[in-house]
Amino acid sequence: MAKKTYKNLIRDIISLIIFPIIFLITQNEFIISGFILFLAFIAFKIKYHKNEIKLFTIGIFLGIIMEIGGDLIFKMQYWDNASFFGIPIWLPLLWGYAFVFIRRIGNHIVH
């Protein structure tokens, strides 16, 4: 891998490491949601690849379907302060960011 690729890879991984920190700071799902949106905005501002907003949006919708569907079908997970159909509002946003993150890491590995 080229030096620039390592730098980009480290930057993307740092964004993932930041998530647990916000969960330690607050349990407020609206603050967490805002933080995820802010982090996604910063990630897109630093380096945007074509159609990543679409990928982010698809990840959000699939996250909603998987989380709500999984909760309705399997009833194995419970969220204390969930305000969005029984799931925290930040969870689908995290799915959306994860879709973008996984694609970026995959691109680093493949290229």
Protein backbone atom coordinates (compact mmCIF):
# COMPACT_ATOMS: atom_id res chain seq x y z
CA MET A 1 0.00 0.00 0.00
CA ALA A 2 1.15 3.49 -0.75
CA LYS A 3 1.90 5.96 2.04
CA LYS A 4 -1.18 8.03 1.16
CA THR A 5 -3.36 4.92 1.38
CA TYR A 6 -2.09 4.18 4.90
CA LYS A 7 -2.87 7.75 5.92
CA ASN A 8 -6.42 7.46 4.56
CA LEU A 9 -6.88 4.05 6.20
CA ILE A 10 -5.76 5.38 9.58
CA ARG A 11 -8.07 8.39 9.23
CA ASP A 12 -11.03 6.11 8.52
CA ILE A 13 -10.20 3.81 11.43
CA ILE A 14 -9.87 6.79 13.81
CA SER A 15 -13.42 7.80 12.93
CA LEU A 16 -14.58 4.36 14.06
CA ILE A 17 -12.64 4.55 17.32
CA ILE A 18 -14.39 7.83 18.21
CA PHE A 19 -17.83 6.16 18.45
CA PRO A 20 -17.30 4.33 21.76
CA ILE A 21 -16.08 7.57 23.33
CA ILE A 22 -19.38 9.35 22.72
CA PHE A 23 -21.26 6.38 24.23
CA LEU A 24 -19.16 6.74 27.37
CA ILE A 25 -19.88 10.48 27.56
CA THR A 26 -23.66 10.39 27.14
CA GLN A 27 -26.60 8.02 26.90
CA ASN A 28 -28.85 10.62 25.24
CA GLU A 29 -29.80 9.15 21.88
CA PHE A 30 -30.37 12.55 20.26
CA ILE A 31 -26.88 13.73 21.16
CA ILE A 32 -25.45 10.45 19.87
CA SER A 33 -27.49 10.79 16.65
CA GLY A 34 -26.26 14.34 16.16
CA PHE A 35 -22.70 13.21 16.75
CA ILE A 36 -23.01 10.43 14.16
CA LEU A 37 -24.44 12.87 11.61
CA PHE A 38 -21.67 15.35 12.41
CA LEU A 39 -18.98 12.68 12.03
CA ALA A 40 -20.48 11.53 8.72
CA PHE A 41 -20.58 15.14 7.51
CA ILE A 42 -16.91 15.62 8.45
CA ALA A 43 -15.95 12.33 6.79
CA PHE A 44 -17.75 13.36 3.59
CA LYS A 45 -16.15 16.83 3.70
CA ILE A 46 -12.63 15.43 4.11
CA LYS A 47 -12.95 12.86 1.36
CA TYR A 48 -16.09 12.17 -0.62
CA HIS A 49 -16.36 9.33 -3.10
CA LYS A 50 -19.07 9.28 -5.71
CA ASN A 51 -22.47 8.06 -4.45
CA GLU A 52 -21.47 7.76 -0.78
CA ILE A 53 -24.52 9.78 0.26
CA LYS A 54 -26.67 7.20 -1.55
CA LEU A 55 -24.77 4.41 0.22
CA PHE A 56 -25.26 6.18 3.56
CA THR A 57 -29.01 6.53 2.88
CA ILE A 58 -29.37 2.90 1.80
CA GLY A 59 -27.53 1.84 4.95
CA ILE A 60 -29.95 3.85 7.08
CA PHE A 61 -33.03 2.31 5.45
CA LEU A 62 -31.64 -1.23 5.56
CA GLY A 63 -30.61 -0.65 9.19
CA ILE A 64 -34.17 0.37 10.03
CA ILE A 65 -35.56 -2.72 8.31
CA MET A 66 -33.05 -5.08 9.94
CA GLU A 67 -33.36 -3.63 13.44
CA ILE A 68 -37.13 -3.25 13.54
CA GLY A 69 -37.66 -6.52 11.68
CA GLY A 70 -35.27 -8.35 13.96
CA ASP A 71 -36.91 -6.93 17.05
CA LEU A 72 -40.40 -7.84 15.83
CA ILE A 73 -39.50 -11.34 14.69
CA PHE A 74 -36.95 -12.52 17.25
CA LYS A 75 -37.69 -10.23 20.22
CA MET A 76 -34.16 -10.84 21.48
CA GLN A 77 -33.06 -7.26 21.96
CA TYR A 78 -34.46 -4.52 24.13
CA TRP A 79 -33.48 -0.85 24.30
CA ASP A 80 -34.39 1.09 27.45
CA ASN A 81 -34.67 4.55 25.90
CA ALA A 82 -35.58 3.75 22.33
CA SER A 83 -37.71 6.43 20.69
CA PHE A 84 -37.91 5.15 17.11
CA PHE A 85 -40.22 2.13 16.80
CA GLY A 86 -38.48 0.40 19.69
CA ILE A 87 -34.90 1.12 18.59
CA PRO A 88 -32.63 4.07 19.34
CA ILE A 89 -32.73 6.72 16.64
CA TRP A 90 -28.93 6.62 16.33
CA LEU A 91 -28.82 2.94 15.41
CA PRO A 92 -29.95 3.25 11.75
CA LEU A 93 -27.60 6.24 11.38
CA LEU A 94 -24.77 4.05 12.63
CA TRP A 95 -25.77 1.41 10.06
CA GLY A 96 -25.57 4.06 7.34
CA TYR A 97 -22.13 5.17 8.48
CA ALA A 98 -21.03 1.54 8.73
CA PHE A 99 -21.98 0.94 5.09
CA VAL A 100 -19.73 3.83 4.02
CA PHE A 101 -16.96 2.82 6.44
CA ILE A 102 -16.92 -0.82 5.28
CA ARG A 103 -16.77 0.28 1.63
CA ARG A 104 -13.88 2.63 2.33
CA ILE A 105 -11.91 0.01 4.23
CA GLY A 106 -12.64 -2.51 1.46
CA ASN A 107 -11.33 -0.08 -1.12
CA HIS A 108 -8.11 0.37 0.89
CA ILE A 109 -7.61 -3.39 1.00
CA VAL A 110 -8.48 -4.03 -2.66
CA HIS A 111 -6.51 -1.13 -4.10
